[in-house]
C-alpha cells in the first residue's frame, strides 16, 4: 500500500506569486506611482510590499487579490516551479499523491480543472475553503495522520496537521515562512532526492 503524500498547490507546486505580479503589472501600469511588481520580492500574503497600488486604490484590496486568484489570466499565467511536474510524476509511482490546497469559492473549480489538465496522474485533489482564514489552515484534513507526508510553503499549515513527516517548501525567506525548525526544501530537485 502506497504512503499518502499530500502536497500544497499555490507557491509549492506552481509560482502563484509570479502570476499575481503579472496581473498587477498589466492592470496598474497606467498609474503614475506604478513600480513593476517582481515576484522575487514578495514577502507577505497581502502583497502590500510589491503590489501597493492594490492597497492604495481599491476599497477592498484583499477582495481584489482574491479576484486575481480567480481570474482566467491567473490560471493562464501559472507556471510550475522548476522540476515540479517531472518530480510529481515520478512520485505518483511510489506514493499516493494528493494535492491538498486552500481555495476561495470563486477560484476552486478553476483550480481543480487546472490540476486535472496539467497533473492528470495525481490520485486525489482536496480543496479546502475556509473563508475566515484567508487561505491557510489545513487542520481539518483528518486523514492527514500517522504515516502520511506533507509538503507546504506555510509553516502554520504544516503545524496544524498530524502528518508524520512534514517538509517546508521555501524558495526564499518571507514574513510567514520563517518560523519553522523542520526540514526545508528550496527546490523540487531536492524533494526528488529526498523522497524518490
N, C-alpha and C. Protein backbone atom coordinates (compact mmCIF):
# COMPACT_ATOMS: atom_id res chain seq x y z
N UNK A 1 0.84 -1.19 0.00
CA UNK A 1 0.00 0.00 0.00
C UNK A 1 0.88 1.25 0.00
N UNK A 2 0.57 2.19 -0.88
CA UNK A 2 1.37 3.40 -1.00
C UNK A 2 1.12 4.35 0.16
N UNK A 3 2.18 5.04 0.57
CA UNK A 3 2.07 6.09 1.58
C UNK A 3 1.40 7.31 0.97
N UNK A 4 0.51 7.94 1.75
CA UNK A 4 -0.12 9.18 1.29
C UNK A 4 0.88 10.33 1.33
N UNK A 5 1.00 11.03 0.21
CA UNK A 5 1.86 12.20 0.11
C UNK A 5 0.99 13.39 -0.27
N UNK A 6 0.79 14.29 0.69
CA UNK A 6 -0.02 15.49 0.49
C UNK A 6 0.91 16.62 0.05
N UNK A 7 0.50 17.33 -0.99
CA UNK A 7 1.30 18.45 -1.49
C UNK A 7 0.39 19.66 -1.67
N UNK A 8 0.81 20.78 -1.12
CA UNK A 8 0.11 22.04 -1.33
C UNK A 8 0.28 22.47 -2.79
N UNK A 9 -0.55 23.38 -3.25
CA UNK A 9 -0.52 23.81 -4.65
C UNK A 9 0.15 25.17 -4.82
N UNK A 10 -0.53 26.24 -4.37
CA UNK A 10 -0.01 27.60 -4.58
C UNK A 10 1.30 27.81 -3.84
N UNK A 11 2.28 28.33 -4.57
CA UNK A 11 3.60 28.65 -4.04
C UNK A 11 4.34 27.42 -3.51
N UNK A 12 3.88 26.24 -3.94
CA UNK A 12 4.58 25.00 -3.64
C UNK A 12 4.82 24.23 -4.94
N UNK A 13 3.77 23.97 -5.68
CA UNK A 13 3.89 23.32 -6.99
C UNK A 13 4.05 24.36 -8.09
N UNK A 14 3.25 25.42 -7.99
CA UNK A 14 3.25 26.48 -9.00
C UNK A 14 3.65 27.81 -8.39
N UNK A 15 4.17 28.70 -9.23
CA UNK A 15 4.60 30.02 -8.79
C UNK A 15 3.42 30.99 -8.88
N UNK A 16 2.55 30.93 -7.89
CA UNK A 16 1.36 31.78 -7.85
C UNK A 16 1.74 33.25 -7.73
N UNK A 17 2.81 33.54 -7.01
CA UNK A 17 3.23 34.93 -6.84
C UNK A 17 3.58 35.57 -8.18
N UNK A 18 4.21 34.82 -9.04
CA UNK A 18 4.58 35.34 -10.36
C UNK A 18 3.34 35.66 -11.18
N UNK A 19 2.32 34.81 -11.09
CA UNK A 19 1.07 35.05 -11.82
C UNK A 19 0.35 36.28 -11.28
N UNK A 20 0.33 36.45 -9.96
CA UNK A 20 -0.29 37.63 -9.36
C UNK A 20 0.44 38.90 -9.81
N UNK A 21 1.75 38.86 -9.82
CA UNK A 21 2.53 40.02 -10.26
C UNK A 21 2.23 40.38 -11.71
N UNK A 22 2.08 39.40 -12.56
CA UNK A 22 1.75 39.67 -13.95
C UNK A 22 0.42 40.40 -14.06
N UNK A 23 -0.58 39.94 -13.34
CA UNK A 23 -1.89 40.59 -13.37
C UNK A 23 -1.77 42.03 -12.85
N UNK A 24 -1.09 42.19 -11.74
CA UNK A 24 -0.90 43.53 -11.16
C UNK A 24 -0.22 44.45 -12.17
N UNK A 25 0.86 43.98 -12.78
CA UNK A 25 1.60 44.82 -13.73
C UNK A 25 0.74 45.18 -14.93
N UNK A 26 -0.09 44.26 -15.38
CA UNK A 26 -0.98 44.54 -16.52
C UNK A 26 -2.06 45.56 -16.14
N UNK A 27 -2.57 45.48 -14.93
CA UNK A 27 -3.72 46.31 -14.54
C UNK A 27 -3.35 47.69 -14.03
N UNK A 28 -2.17 47.86 -13.49
CA UNK A 28 -1.84 49.12 -12.82
C UNK A 28 -0.69 49.89 -13.46
N UNK A 29 -0.19 49.45 -14.59
CA UNK A 29 0.97 50.11 -15.20
C UNK A 29 0.66 51.54 -15.64
N UNK A 30 -0.60 51.88 -15.77
CA UNK A 30 -1.01 53.23 -16.18
C UNK A 30 -0.80 54.27 -15.08
N UNK A 31 -0.71 53.83 -13.83
CA UNK A 31 -0.70 54.77 -12.70
C UNK A 31 0.67 55.45 -12.55
N UNK A 32 0.65 56.73 -12.19
CA UNK A 32 1.91 57.49 -12.08
C UNK A 32 2.85 56.94 -11.01
N UNK A 33 2.30 56.26 -9.99
CA UNK A 33 3.15 55.69 -8.92
C UNK A 33 3.50 54.23 -9.15
N UNK A 34 3.20 53.74 -10.33
CA UNK A 34 3.43 52.32 -10.61
C UNK A 34 4.92 51.97 -10.61
N UNK A 35 5.25 50.91 -9.91
CA UNK A 35 6.56 50.28 -9.97
C UNK A 35 6.30 48.80 -10.25
N UNK A 36 7.01 48.27 -11.21
CA UNK A 36 6.77 46.88 -11.61
C UNK A 36 6.92 45.93 -10.43
N UNK A 37 5.92 45.09 -10.25
CA UNK A 37 5.96 44.08 -9.19
C UNK A 37 6.82 42.90 -9.64
N UNK A 38 7.74 42.50 -8.80
CA UNK A 38 8.61 41.36 -9.08
C UNK A 38 8.37 40.30 -8.02
N UNK A 39 7.99 39.11 -8.46
CA UNK A 39 7.60 38.06 -7.52
C UNK A 39 8.73 37.70 -6.55
N UNK A 40 9.97 37.87 -7.00
CA UNK A 40 11.10 37.53 -6.14
C UNK A 40 11.14 38.40 -4.88
N UNK A 41 10.48 39.56 -4.92
CA UNK A 41 10.48 40.48 -3.78
C UNK A 41 9.26 40.30 -2.88
N UNK A 42 8.41 39.35 -3.22
CA UNK A 42 7.20 39.10 -2.43
C UNK A 42 7.58 38.62 -1.03
N UNK A 43 6.94 39.21 0.00
CA UNK A 43 7.28 38.78 1.36
C UNK A 43 6.09 38.60 2.29
N UNK A 44 4.89 39.01 1.88
CA UNK A 44 3.73 38.79 2.75
C UNK A 44 2.50 38.49 1.90
N UNK A 45 1.56 37.75 2.49
CA UNK A 45 0.45 37.21 1.72
C UNK A 45 -0.50 38.28 1.20
N UNK A 46 -0.45 39.50 1.74
CA UNK A 46 -1.33 40.57 1.24
C UNK A 46 -0.73 41.29 0.03
N UNK A 47 0.50 40.97 -0.31
CA UNK A 47 1.20 41.58 -1.45
C UNK A 47 1.38 43.08 -1.30
N UNK A 48 1.28 43.60 -0.08
CA UNK A 48 1.38 45.04 0.12
C UNK A 48 2.76 45.58 -0.25
N UNK A 49 3.78 44.75 -0.13
CA UNK A 49 5.14 45.21 -0.41
C UNK A 49 5.43 45.34 -1.90
N UNK A 50 4.81 44.50 -2.73
CA UNK A 50 5.13 44.55 -4.17
C UNK A 50 3.96 45.00 -5.04
N UNK A 51 2.76 45.02 -4.47
CA UNK A 51 1.57 45.46 -5.21
C UNK A 51 0.86 46.57 -4.43
N UNK A 52 1.56 47.65 -4.13
CA UNK A 52 0.98 48.67 -3.23
C UNK A 52 -0.24 49.38 -3.80
N UNK A 53 -0.35 49.47 -5.11
CA UNK A 53 -1.49 50.20 -5.68
C UNK A 53 -2.81 49.48 -5.45
N UNK A 54 -2.77 48.17 -5.27
CA UNK A 54 -4.00 47.46 -4.90
C UNK A 54 -4.51 47.99 -3.57
N UNK A 55 -3.58 48.21 -2.64
CA UNK A 55 -3.95 48.69 -1.30
C UNK A 55 -4.26 50.18 -1.29
N UNK A 56 -3.69 50.90 -2.23
CA UNK A 56 -3.91 52.35 -2.29
C UNK A 56 -5.21 52.70 -3.03
N UNK A 57 -5.53 51.96 -4.08
CA UNK A 57 -6.62 52.34 -4.97
C UNK A 57 -7.92 51.56 -4.76
N UNK A 58 -7.84 50.38 -4.19
CA UNK A 58 -9.03 49.53 -4.09
C UNK A 58 -9.68 49.65 -2.72
N UNK A 59 -11.01 49.71 -2.69
CA UNK A 59 -11.74 49.77 -1.42
C UNK A 59 -11.57 48.48 -0.61
N UNK A 60 -11.47 47.37 -1.32
CA UNK A 60 -11.30 46.06 -0.67
C UNK A 60 -10.10 45.37 -1.30
N UNK A 61 -8.88 45.71 -0.85
CA UNK A 61 -7.68 45.15 -1.51
C UNK A 61 -7.60 43.63 -1.44
N UNK A 62 -8.01 43.03 -0.32
CA UNK A 62 -7.96 41.57 -0.21
C UNK A 62 -8.97 40.95 -1.17
N UNK A 63 -10.13 41.55 -1.28
CA UNK A 63 -11.13 41.09 -2.25
C UNK A 63 -10.60 41.18 -3.68
N UNK A 64 -9.86 42.24 -3.97
CA UNK A 64 -9.28 42.41 -5.31
C UNK A 64 -8.22 41.33 -5.58
N UNK A 65 -7.42 41.02 -4.57
CA UNK A 65 -6.42 39.96 -4.74
C UNK A 65 -7.09 38.61 -4.95
N UNK A 66 -8.19 38.38 -4.26
CA UNK A 66 -8.95 37.14 -4.49
C UNK A 66 -9.48 37.09 -5.92
N UNK A 67 -9.89 38.24 -6.45
CA UNK A 67 -10.31 38.30 -7.86
C UNK A 67 -9.16 37.92 -8.78
N UNK A 68 -7.95 38.39 -8.45
CA UNK A 68 -6.78 38.00 -9.24
C UNK A 68 -6.66 36.47 -9.27
N UNK A 69 -6.74 35.87 -8.09
CA UNK A 69 -6.58 34.42 -7.97
C UNK A 69 -7.70 33.64 -8.67
N UNK A 70 -8.82 34.28 -8.91
CA UNK A 70 -9.95 33.61 -9.55
C UNK A 70 -10.02 33.88 -11.05
N UNK A 71 -9.14 34.72 -11.56
CA UNK A 71 -9.24 35.15 -12.96
C UNK A 71 -8.66 34.12 -13.92
N UNK A 72 -9.16 34.14 -15.14
CA UNK A 72 -8.59 33.30 -16.19
C UNK A 72 -7.13 33.66 -16.43
N UNK A 73 -6.82 34.93 -16.33
CA UNK A 73 -5.43 35.37 -16.54
C UNK A 73 -4.48 34.70 -15.55
N UNK A 74 -4.94 34.54 -14.30
CA UNK A 74 -4.11 33.89 -13.28
C UNK A 74 -3.79 32.45 -13.71
N UNK A 75 -4.82 31.70 -14.06
CA UNK A 75 -4.60 30.29 -14.41
C UNK A 75 -3.87 30.14 -15.75
N UNK A 76 -4.06 31.09 -16.65
CA UNK A 76 -3.32 31.06 -17.92
C UNK A 76 -1.85 31.37 -17.70
N UNK A 77 -1.53 32.10 -16.62
CA UNK A 77 -0.15 32.52 -16.36
C UNK A 77 0.61 31.58 -15.43
N UNK A 78 -0.08 30.63 -14.82
CA UNK A 78 0.57 29.76 -13.84
C UNK A 78 1.71 28.96 -14.47
N UNK A 79 2.81 28.93 -13.76
CA UNK A 79 3.97 28.14 -14.19
C UNK A 79 4.39 27.20 -13.06
N UNK A 80 4.77 26.00 -13.42
CA UNK A 80 5.35 25.08 -12.45
C UNK A 80 6.70 25.62 -12.00
N UNK A 81 7.05 25.38 -10.73
CA UNK A 81 8.43 25.59 -10.33
C UNK A 81 9.30 24.58 -11.07
N UNK A 82 10.55 24.92 -11.25
CA UNK A 82 11.48 24.03 -11.97
C UNK A 82 11.41 22.62 -11.39
N UNK A 83 11.28 21.65 -12.28
CA UNK A 83 11.29 20.21 -11.96
C UNK A 83 10.03 19.71 -11.25
N UNK A 84 9.09 20.59 -10.90
CA UNK A 84 7.92 20.15 -10.12
C UNK A 84 7.09 19.12 -10.87
N UNK A 85 6.77 19.38 -12.12
CA UNK A 85 5.91 18.46 -12.87
C UNK A 85 6.58 17.11 -13.03
N UNK A 86 7.86 17.11 -13.36
CA UNK A 86 8.60 15.86 -13.57
C UNK A 86 8.69 15.05 -12.28
N UNK A 87 9.03 15.73 -11.18
CA UNK A 87 9.19 15.02 -9.91
C UNK A 87 7.85 14.50 -9.40
N UNK A 88 6.79 15.28 -9.53
CA UNK A 88 5.47 14.82 -9.09
C UNK A 88 5.06 13.59 -9.89
N UNK A 89 5.33 13.59 -11.17
CA UNK A 89 5.01 12.43 -12.00
C UNK A 89 5.73 11.18 -11.48
N UNK A 90 6.99 11.31 -11.11
CA UNK A 90 7.75 10.19 -10.56
C UNK A 90 7.24 9.79 -9.18
N UNK A 91 6.85 10.78 -8.39
CA UNK A 91 6.34 10.49 -7.04
C UNK A 91 5.06 9.67 -7.09
N UNK A 92 4.24 9.84 -8.12
CA UNK A 92 2.99 9.09 -8.21
C UNK A 92 3.22 7.60 -8.37
N UNK A 93 4.41 7.22 -8.80
CA UNK A 93 4.73 5.80 -8.93
C UNK A 93 5.02 5.17 -7.56
N UNK A 94 5.45 5.97 -6.61
CA UNK A 94 5.86 5.46 -5.30
C UNK A 94 4.86 5.79 -4.18
N UNK A 95 4.13 6.90 -4.33
CA UNK A 95 3.21 7.38 -3.29
C UNK A 95 1.81 7.59 -3.87
N UNK A 96 0.83 7.65 -2.98
CA UNK A 96 -0.48 8.14 -3.37
C UNK A 96 -0.42 9.66 -3.23
N UNK A 97 -0.28 10.35 -4.35
CA UNK A 97 -0.10 11.80 -4.33
C UNK A 97 -1.46 12.49 -4.27
N UNK A 98 -1.60 13.36 -3.27
CA UNK A 98 -2.85 14.08 -3.04
C UNK A 98 -2.52 15.56 -2.98
N UNK A 99 -3.08 16.34 -3.87
CA UNK A 99 -2.92 17.79 -3.77
C UNK A 99 -3.97 18.30 -2.79
N UNK A 100 -3.50 18.96 -1.76
CA UNK A 100 -4.37 19.50 -0.71
C UNK A 100 -4.16 21.01 -0.68
N UNK A 101 -5.16 21.75 -1.14
CA UNK A 101 -4.98 23.18 -1.33
C UNK A 101 -6.15 23.99 -0.81
N UNK A 102 -5.85 25.10 -0.22
CA UNK A 102 -6.89 26.04 0.17
C UNK A 102 -7.34 26.81 -1.06
N UNK A 103 -8.60 27.23 -1.05
CA UNK A 103 -9.14 27.95 -2.18
C UNK A 103 -10.21 28.92 -1.70
N UNK A 104 -10.55 29.84 -2.57
CA UNK A 104 -11.68 30.72 -2.35
C UNK A 104 -12.82 30.19 -3.22
N UNK A 105 -14.07 30.44 -2.83
CA UNK A 105 -15.18 29.89 -3.62
C UNK A 105 -15.10 30.20 -5.10
N UNK A 106 -14.60 31.41 -5.44
CA UNK A 106 -14.60 31.80 -6.85
C UNK A 106 -13.45 31.22 -7.67
N UNK A 107 -12.47 30.59 -7.01
CA UNK A 107 -11.38 30.01 -7.82
C UNK A 107 -11.25 28.51 -7.67
N UNK A 108 -12.06 27.90 -6.82
CA UNK A 108 -11.90 26.47 -6.52
C UNK A 108 -12.07 25.59 -7.75
N UNK A 109 -13.13 25.81 -8.52
CA UNK A 109 -13.37 24.93 -9.67
C UNK A 109 -12.31 25.12 -10.75
N UNK A 110 -11.84 26.36 -10.93
CA UNK A 110 -10.78 26.60 -11.92
C UNK A 110 -9.48 25.94 -11.50
N UNK A 111 -9.23 25.93 -10.21
CA UNK A 111 -8.01 25.28 -9.71
C UNK A 111 -8.06 23.78 -9.96
N UNK A 112 -9.19 23.16 -9.68
CA UNK A 112 -9.35 21.72 -9.93
C UNK A 112 -9.15 21.41 -11.41
N UNK A 113 -9.75 22.21 -12.28
CA UNK A 113 -9.62 21.98 -13.72
C UNK A 113 -8.17 22.14 -14.17
N UNK A 114 -7.46 23.12 -13.63
CA UNK A 114 -6.05 23.32 -13.99
C UNK A 114 -5.22 22.11 -13.56
N UNK A 115 -5.46 21.63 -12.35
CA UNK A 115 -4.71 20.46 -11.86
C UNK A 115 -5.03 19.25 -12.72
N UNK A 116 -6.28 19.04 -13.03
CA UNK A 116 -6.67 17.89 -13.86
C UNK A 116 -6.01 17.93 -15.23
N UNK A 117 -5.92 19.13 -15.79
CA UNK A 117 -5.33 19.26 -17.12
C UNK A 117 -3.82 19.11 -17.10
N UNK A 118 -3.18 19.62 -16.07
CA UNK A 118 -1.72 19.68 -16.04
C UNK A 118 -1.05 18.59 -15.22
N UNK A 119 -1.80 17.97 -14.30
CA UNK A 119 -1.26 16.88 -13.48
C UNK A 119 -2.29 15.74 -13.41
N UNK A 120 -2.65 15.17 -14.55
CA UNK A 120 -3.70 14.15 -14.55
C UNK A 120 -3.34 12.88 -13.79
N UNK A 121 -2.05 12.67 -13.54
CA UNK A 121 -1.61 11.46 -12.84
C UNK A 121 -1.80 11.54 -11.33
N UNK A 122 -2.15 12.71 -10.80
CA UNK A 122 -2.37 12.87 -9.35
C UNK A 122 -3.61 12.09 -8.95
N UNK A 123 -3.51 11.36 -7.84
CA UNK A 123 -4.57 10.45 -7.41
C UNK A 123 -5.81 11.16 -6.87
N UNK A 124 -5.61 12.28 -6.18
CA UNK A 124 -6.73 12.89 -5.47
C UNK A 124 -6.45 14.39 -5.29
N UNK A 125 -7.53 15.17 -5.26
CA UNK A 125 -7.44 16.60 -5.02
C UNK A 125 -8.38 16.94 -3.87
N UNK A 126 -7.84 17.61 -2.86
CA UNK A 126 -8.67 18.08 -1.75
C UNK A 126 -8.66 19.60 -1.77
N UNK A 127 -9.83 20.18 -1.88
CA UNK A 127 -9.98 21.64 -1.87
C UNK A 127 -10.58 22.04 -0.53
N UNK A 128 -9.90 22.92 0.18
CA UNK A 128 -10.38 23.42 1.46
C UNK A 128 -10.80 24.88 1.30
N UNK A 129 -12.01 25.17 1.67
CA UNK A 129 -12.49 26.55 1.63
C UNK A 129 -12.85 26.96 3.05
N UNK A 130 -12.01 27.82 3.61
CA UNK A 130 -12.27 28.36 4.94
C UNK A 130 -12.16 29.87 4.81
N UNK A 131 -13.29 30.51 4.60
CA UNK A 131 -13.30 31.94 4.29
C UNK A 131 -12.75 32.80 5.42
N UNK A 132 -12.70 32.27 6.62
CA UNK A 132 -12.23 33.06 7.76
C UNK A 132 -10.71 33.09 7.88
N UNK A 133 -10.01 32.20 7.18
CA UNK A 133 -8.58 32.06 7.42
C UNK A 133 -7.71 32.52 6.26
N UNK A 134 -8.29 33.16 5.26
CA UNK A 134 -7.50 33.73 4.17
C UNK A 134 -6.56 32.73 3.51
N UNK A 135 -7.01 31.49 3.38
CA UNK A 135 -6.26 30.54 2.59
C UNK A 135 -5.24 29.70 3.31
N UNK A 136 -5.21 29.72 4.66
CA UNK A 136 -4.29 28.80 5.32
C UNK A 136 -5.01 28.10 6.47
N UNK A 137 -4.43 26.99 6.91
CA UNK A 137 -5.01 26.18 7.97
C UNK A 137 -5.59 24.90 7.41
N UNK A 138 -4.85 23.82 7.51
CA UNK A 138 -5.30 22.55 6.95
C UNK A 138 -5.58 21.53 8.04
N UNK A 139 -5.84 22.00 9.25
CA UNK A 139 -6.04 21.11 10.39
C UNK A 139 -7.29 20.25 10.26
N UNK A 140 -8.23 20.63 9.40
CA UNK A 140 -9.47 19.88 9.26
C UNK A 140 -9.31 18.66 8.35
N UNK A 141 -8.12 18.47 7.80
CA UNK A 141 -7.89 17.29 6.96
C UNK A 141 -7.55 16.13 7.88
N UNK A 142 -8.57 15.48 8.37
CA UNK A 142 -8.39 14.45 9.40
C UNK A 142 -7.58 13.26 8.92
N UNK A 143 -7.64 12.98 7.62
CA UNK A 143 -6.92 11.80 7.12
C UNK A 143 -5.41 12.04 7.03
N UNK A 144 -4.96 13.27 7.25
CA UNK A 144 -3.53 13.55 7.18
C UNK A 144 -2.88 13.20 8.51
N UNK A 145 -2.77 11.91 8.78
CA UNK A 145 -2.27 11.45 10.06
C UNK A 145 -1.27 10.31 9.87
N UNK A 146 -0.67 9.93 10.95
CA UNK A 146 0.21 8.77 11.08
C UNK A 146 1.27 8.70 10.00
N UNK A 147 1.16 7.84 9.03
CA UNK A 147 2.25 7.60 8.09
C UNK A 147 2.31 8.57 6.91
N UNK A 148 1.48 9.59 6.90
CA UNK A 148 1.44 10.48 5.74
C UNK A 148 2.61 11.47 5.74
N UNK A 149 2.83 12.03 4.56
CA UNK A 149 3.87 13.03 4.33
C UNK A 149 3.17 14.29 3.82
N UNK A 150 3.64 15.46 4.24
CA UNK A 150 3.00 16.71 3.85
C UNK A 150 4.06 17.72 3.46
N UNK A 151 3.90 18.35 2.28
CA UNK A 151 4.79 19.41 1.80
C UNK A 151 3.95 20.66 1.59
N UNK A 152 4.35 21.77 2.20
CA UNK A 152 3.59 23.02 2.09
C UNK A 152 4.57 24.18 2.24
N UNK A 153 4.19 25.34 1.74
CA UNK A 153 5.05 26.52 1.86
C UNK A 153 4.76 27.34 3.11
N UNK A 154 3.75 26.94 3.89
CA UNK A 154 3.36 27.73 5.06
C UNK A 154 3.53 26.89 6.34
N UNK A 155 4.40 27.30 7.25
CA UNK A 155 4.62 26.54 8.48
C UNK A 155 3.34 26.29 9.28
N UNK A 156 2.42 27.26 9.29
CA UNK A 156 1.20 27.08 10.07
C UNK A 156 0.37 25.91 9.53
N UNK A 157 0.37 25.72 8.23
CA UNK A 157 -0.33 24.56 7.65
C UNK A 157 0.33 23.27 8.11
N UNK A 158 1.64 23.23 8.08
CA UNK A 158 2.36 22.03 8.49
C UNK A 158 2.10 21.72 9.96
N UNK A 159 2.16 22.76 10.79
CA UNK A 159 1.96 22.56 12.23
C UNK A 159 0.54 22.13 12.57
N UNK A 160 -0.43 22.48 11.71
CA UNK A 160 -1.84 22.24 12.03
C UNK A 160 -2.27 20.80 11.80
N UNK A 161 -1.42 19.98 11.19
CA UNK A 161 -1.82 18.61 10.88
C UNK A 161 -1.04 17.61 11.72
N UNK A 162 -1.48 16.35 11.64
CA UNK A 162 -0.80 15.27 12.35
C UNK A 162 0.05 14.42 11.42
N UNK A 163 0.35 14.94 10.24
CA UNK A 163 1.21 14.19 9.33
C UNK A 163 2.52 13.85 10.02
N UNK A 164 3.01 12.64 9.77
CA UNK A 164 4.23 12.18 10.44
C UNK A 164 5.47 12.92 9.93
N UNK A 165 5.57 13.07 8.61
CA UNK A 165 6.72 13.76 8.01
C UNK A 165 6.22 15.05 7.37
N UNK A 166 6.82 16.17 7.77
CA UNK A 166 6.39 17.48 7.29
C UNK A 166 7.60 18.22 6.73
N UNK A 167 7.44 18.76 5.53
CA UNK A 167 8.52 19.47 4.87
C UNK A 167 8.05 20.84 4.41
N UNK A 168 8.84 21.86 4.71
CA UNK A 168 8.54 23.21 4.26
C UNK A 168 9.18 23.45 2.90
N UNK A 169 8.37 23.92 1.95
CA UNK A 169 8.90 24.32 0.65
C UNK A 169 9.12 25.82 0.70
N UNK A 170 10.38 26.23 0.59
CA UNK A 170 10.71 27.66 0.76
C UNK A 170 11.71 28.07 -0.31
N UNK A 171 11.22 28.79 -1.31
CA UNK A 171 12.11 29.34 -2.34
C UNK A 171 12.96 30.46 -1.75
N UNK A 172 12.31 31.30 -0.93
CA UNK A 172 13.03 32.40 -0.28
C UNK A 172 12.36 32.72 1.05
N UNK A 173 13.09 33.42 1.91
CA UNK A 173 12.54 33.82 3.21
C UNK A 173 11.45 34.86 3.03
N UNK A 174 10.31 34.64 3.68
CA UNK A 174 9.20 35.58 3.67
C UNK A 174 8.74 35.79 5.11
N UNK A 175 7.86 36.76 5.30
CA UNK A 175 7.43 37.05 6.67
C UNK A 175 6.70 35.87 7.29
N UNK A 176 6.02 35.07 6.47
CA UNK A 176 5.19 34.00 7.03
C UNK A 176 5.89 32.64 7.09
N UNK A 177 7.06 32.48 6.48
CA UNK A 177 7.66 31.15 6.47
C UNK A 177 8.94 31.02 7.30
N UNK A 178 9.18 32.00 8.15
CA UNK A 178 10.44 32.00 8.91
C UNK A 178 10.41 31.05 10.11
N UNK A 179 9.24 30.83 10.67
CA UNK A 179 9.14 30.10 11.93
C UNK A 179 8.96 28.60 11.70
N UNK A 180 10.03 27.95 11.29
CA UNK A 180 9.99 26.50 11.03
C UNK A 180 11.34 25.90 11.33
N UNK A 181 11.38 24.89 12.18
CA UNK A 181 12.66 24.28 12.53
C UNK A 181 12.81 22.86 11.97
N UNK A 182 11.89 22.46 11.09
CA UNK A 182 11.98 21.15 10.47
C UNK A 182 12.72 21.20 9.14
N UNK A 183 12.60 20.13 8.38
CA UNK A 183 13.27 20.01 7.09
C UNK A 183 12.70 21.03 6.10
N UNK A 184 13.59 21.65 5.32
CA UNK A 184 13.20 22.67 4.34
C UNK A 184 13.74 22.26 2.97
N UNK A 185 12.88 22.38 1.97
CA UNK A 185 13.29 22.19 0.58
C UNK A 185 13.23 23.54 -0.13
N UNK A 186 14.22 23.82 -0.95
CA UNK A 186 14.19 25.05 -1.74
C UNK A 186 14.06 24.77 -3.23
N UNK A 187 13.89 23.50 -3.59
CA UNK A 187 13.69 23.14 -5.00
C UNK A 187 13.02 21.78 -5.10
N UNK A 188 12.40 21.54 -6.24
CA UNK A 188 11.78 20.23 -6.47
C UNK A 188 12.83 19.16 -6.75
N UNK A 189 14.00 19.57 -7.18
CA UNK A 189 15.09 18.61 -7.33
C UNK A 189 15.44 18.02 -5.96
N UNK A 190 15.49 18.86 -4.93
CA UNK A 190 15.75 18.37 -3.57
C UNK A 190 14.66 17.43 -3.08
N UNK A 191 13.41 17.76 -3.40
CA UNK A 191 12.30 16.88 -3.00
C UNK A 191 12.46 15.51 -3.62
N UNK A 192 12.80 15.49 -4.91
CA UNK A 192 13.02 14.22 -5.59
C UNK A 192 14.13 13.42 -4.96
N UNK A 193 15.23 14.10 -4.62
CA UNK A 193 16.37 13.40 -4.00
C UNK A 193 16.01 12.81 -2.65
N UNK A 194 15.12 13.47 -1.92
CA UNK A 194 14.73 13.01 -0.59
C UNK A 194 13.71 11.90 -0.63
N UNK A 195 12.72 12.00 -1.52
CA UNK A 195 11.55 11.13 -1.46
C UNK A 195 11.52 10.02 -2.51
N UNK A 196 12.36 10.10 -3.52
CA UNK A 196 12.33 9.06 -4.56
C UNK A 196 13.37 7.98 -4.29
